[in-house]
Every structure is written in structure tokens, then in C-alpha cells.
């Protein structure tokens, strides 16, 4: 679902990261701000914006499985045109609403 080139540094999560190895991508999801997405209990779309014909953004509130665990994320999706992925919607970026990386993380 992630629409980034694994051979290039990516801004998928905001700052430039080398996400080419699955272990690096996985570590970000196990960081306290993103882990709420894994096995979450509930979600609610807060807003949607059609940026252009094949790109849109949504802000989504997520309730996690831990008590009082909730976060808001901005998903940017784009639709591939042409090639073997023609018509598929991929995630261009997944950004946490807060300053997620200010405290550091296991990367």
C-alpha cells in the first residue's frame, strides 16, 4: 500500500528516512505514536480533501487498544496511472498530527 521507492530516501513519514529495509519501516510503526494503528479498536474520518483528480488527503482519528490511546493522522493517497499498477490507490504519506519525532525513536 505504501507508494514510495525503496531505493530512495523517503518523506513518507515526514522527515527523510531510508525505508528500503523492512526492519526500518517496521520500527517506525512500533514507535509510540504510530503503534496505535496496529490492531486499533476504532477510527473516524475527521476531514477529506480532494487535492487533484488522482490525489486526496484524509485526517483520521484512531483509537488504539491501550487505555486512552488515541492519535490523529493525515493520509495522502494517490492513484497510479498506467503500467501494471494502473488504477490502484497507494499511500503517498502517513503523517502524525503531532511532533512525532521530537523525542527520538528507535530507527
Protein backbone atom coordinates (compact mmCIF):
# COMPACT_ATOMS: atom_id res chain seq x y z
CA UNK A 1 0.00 0.00 0.00
CA UNK A 2 2.97 2.34 0.51
CA UNK A 3 3.81 4.24 -2.67
CA UNK A 4 7.49 5.02 -2.22
CA UNK A 5 10.65 3.83 -3.94
CA UNK A 6 12.55 1.54 -1.52
CA UNK A 7 15.84 2.54 -3.18
CA UNK A 8 15.38 6.26 -2.42
CA UNK A 9 15.21 8.15 0.87
CA UNK A 10 11.56 8.94 1.53
CA UNK A 11 9.44 11.57 3.28
CA UNK A 12 6.63 9.02 3.72
CA UNK A 13 6.59 9.67 7.50
CA UNK A 14 7.64 13.34 7.26
CA UNK A 15 11.44 13.55 7.69
CA UNK A 16 13.74 11.91 5.12
CA UNK A 17 14.26 8.24 6.06
CA UNK A 18 15.84 5.28 4.34
CA UNK A 19 12.86 2.89 4.36
CA UNK A 20 14.29 0.36 1.90
CA UNK A 21 14.72 -2.36 4.50
CA UNK A 22 11.51 -3.68 6.02
CA UNK A 23 13.02 -3.58 9.51
CA UNK A 24 13.39 0.23 9.32
CA UNK A 25 9.80 0.64 8.14
CA UNK A 26 8.61 -1.72 10.91
CA UNK A 27 10.45 0.22 13.64
CA UNK A 28 8.53 3.37 12.79
CA UNK A 29 5.22 1.54 13.23
CA UNK A 30 6.33 0.28 16.63
CA UNK A 31 7.21 3.83 17.75
CA UNK A 32 4.70 5.01 20.34
CA UNK A 33 2.93 7.48 18.01
CA UNK A 34 2.35 5.02 15.15
CA UNK A 35 1.71 1.78 17.08
CA UNK A 36 -1.89 2.92 17.69
CA UNK A 37 -2.55 1.93 14.06
CA UNK A 38 -1.64 -1.71 14.71
CA UNK A 39 -4.79 -3.57 15.76
CA UNK A 40 -6.67 -0.35 16.55
CA UNK A 41 -10.19 -0.53 18.04
CA UNK A 42 -11.90 2.35 16.25
CA UNK A 43 -11.37 5.13 13.69
CA UNK A 44 -13.25 8.16 12.45
CA UNK A 45 -12.67 10.29 9.36
CA UNK A 46 -12.35 13.89 10.52
CA UNK A 47 -11.95 15.54 7.11
CA UNK A 48 -11.32 14.76 3.45
CA UNK A 49 -9.83 16.92 0.71
CA UNK A 50 -9.61 16.15 -3.00
CA UNK A 51 -6.28 17.78 -3.85
CA UNK A 52 -6.43 16.91 -7.54
CA UNK A 53 -8.13 14.28 -9.69
CA UNK A 54 -5.88 11.40 -8.59
CA UNK A 55 -4.78 12.57 -5.13
CA UNK A 56 -6.65 13.12 -1.87
CA UNK A 57 -5.96 13.61 1.82
CA UNK A 58 -7.84 12.46 4.88
CA UNK A 59 -7.38 13.25 8.55
CA UNK A 60 -8.35 10.25 10.65
CA UNK A 61 -8.75 9.84 14.40
CA UNK A 62 -7.58 6.43 15.63
CA UNK A 63 -8.43 4.79 18.96
CA UNK A 64 -5.87 2.17 19.95
CA UNK A 65 -6.19 -0.96 22.02
CA UNK A 66 -4.45 0.50 25.08
CA UNK A 67 -6.46 2.66 27.53
CA UNK A 68 -6.69 6.32 26.46
CA UNK A 69 -4.53 5.63 23.39
CA UNK A 70 -5.65 7.83 20.51
CA UNK A 71 -3.89 9.73 17.74
CA UNK A 72 -4.73 11.70 14.60
CA UNK A 73 -3.06 11.00 11.26
CA UNK A 74 -3.09 12.55 7.81
CA UNK A 75 -3.13 10.05 4.96
CA UNK A 76 -2.27 11.23 1.45
CA UNK A 77 -3.37 8.81 -1.27
CA UNK A 78 -2.65 8.87 -4.99
CA UNK A 79 -3.91 6.79 -7.88
CA UNK A 80 -1.38 5.24 -10.26
CA UNK A 81 -1.96 5.88 -13.94
CA UNK A 82 -0.55 3.42 -16.45
CA UNK A 83 1.64 0.36 -16.01
CA UNK A 84 0.86 -2.76 -14.03
CA UNK A 85 -0.50 -0.71 -11.08
CA UNK A 86 -2.94 1.30 -13.25
CA UNK A 87 -5.93 2.41 -11.20
CA UNK A 88 -4.51 1.30 -7.83
CA UNK A 89 -4.63 3.76 -4.92
CA UNK A 90 -1.42 3.92 -2.87
CA UNK A 91 -0.45 5.81 0.27
CA UNK A 92 1.91 8.64 -0.61
CA UNK A 93 2.45 9.68 3.01
CA UNK A 94 1.28 8.92 6.52
CA UNK A 95 1.86 11.82 8.88
CA UNK A 96 1.16 12.06 12.58
CA UNK A 97 -0.64 15.29 13.57
CA UNK A 98 1.83 15.97 16.40
CA UNK A 99 5.58 16.44 16.56
CA UNK A 100 6.15 12.69 16.49
CA UNK A 101 9.94 12.56 16.13
CA UNK A 102 10.97 15.31 18.58
CA UNK A 103 11.66 12.81 21.35
CA UNK A 104 13.66 10.47 19.14
CA UNK A 105 12.81 6.97 18.11
CA UNK A 106 14.28 3.54 17.53
CA UNK A 107 15.32 3.87 13.89
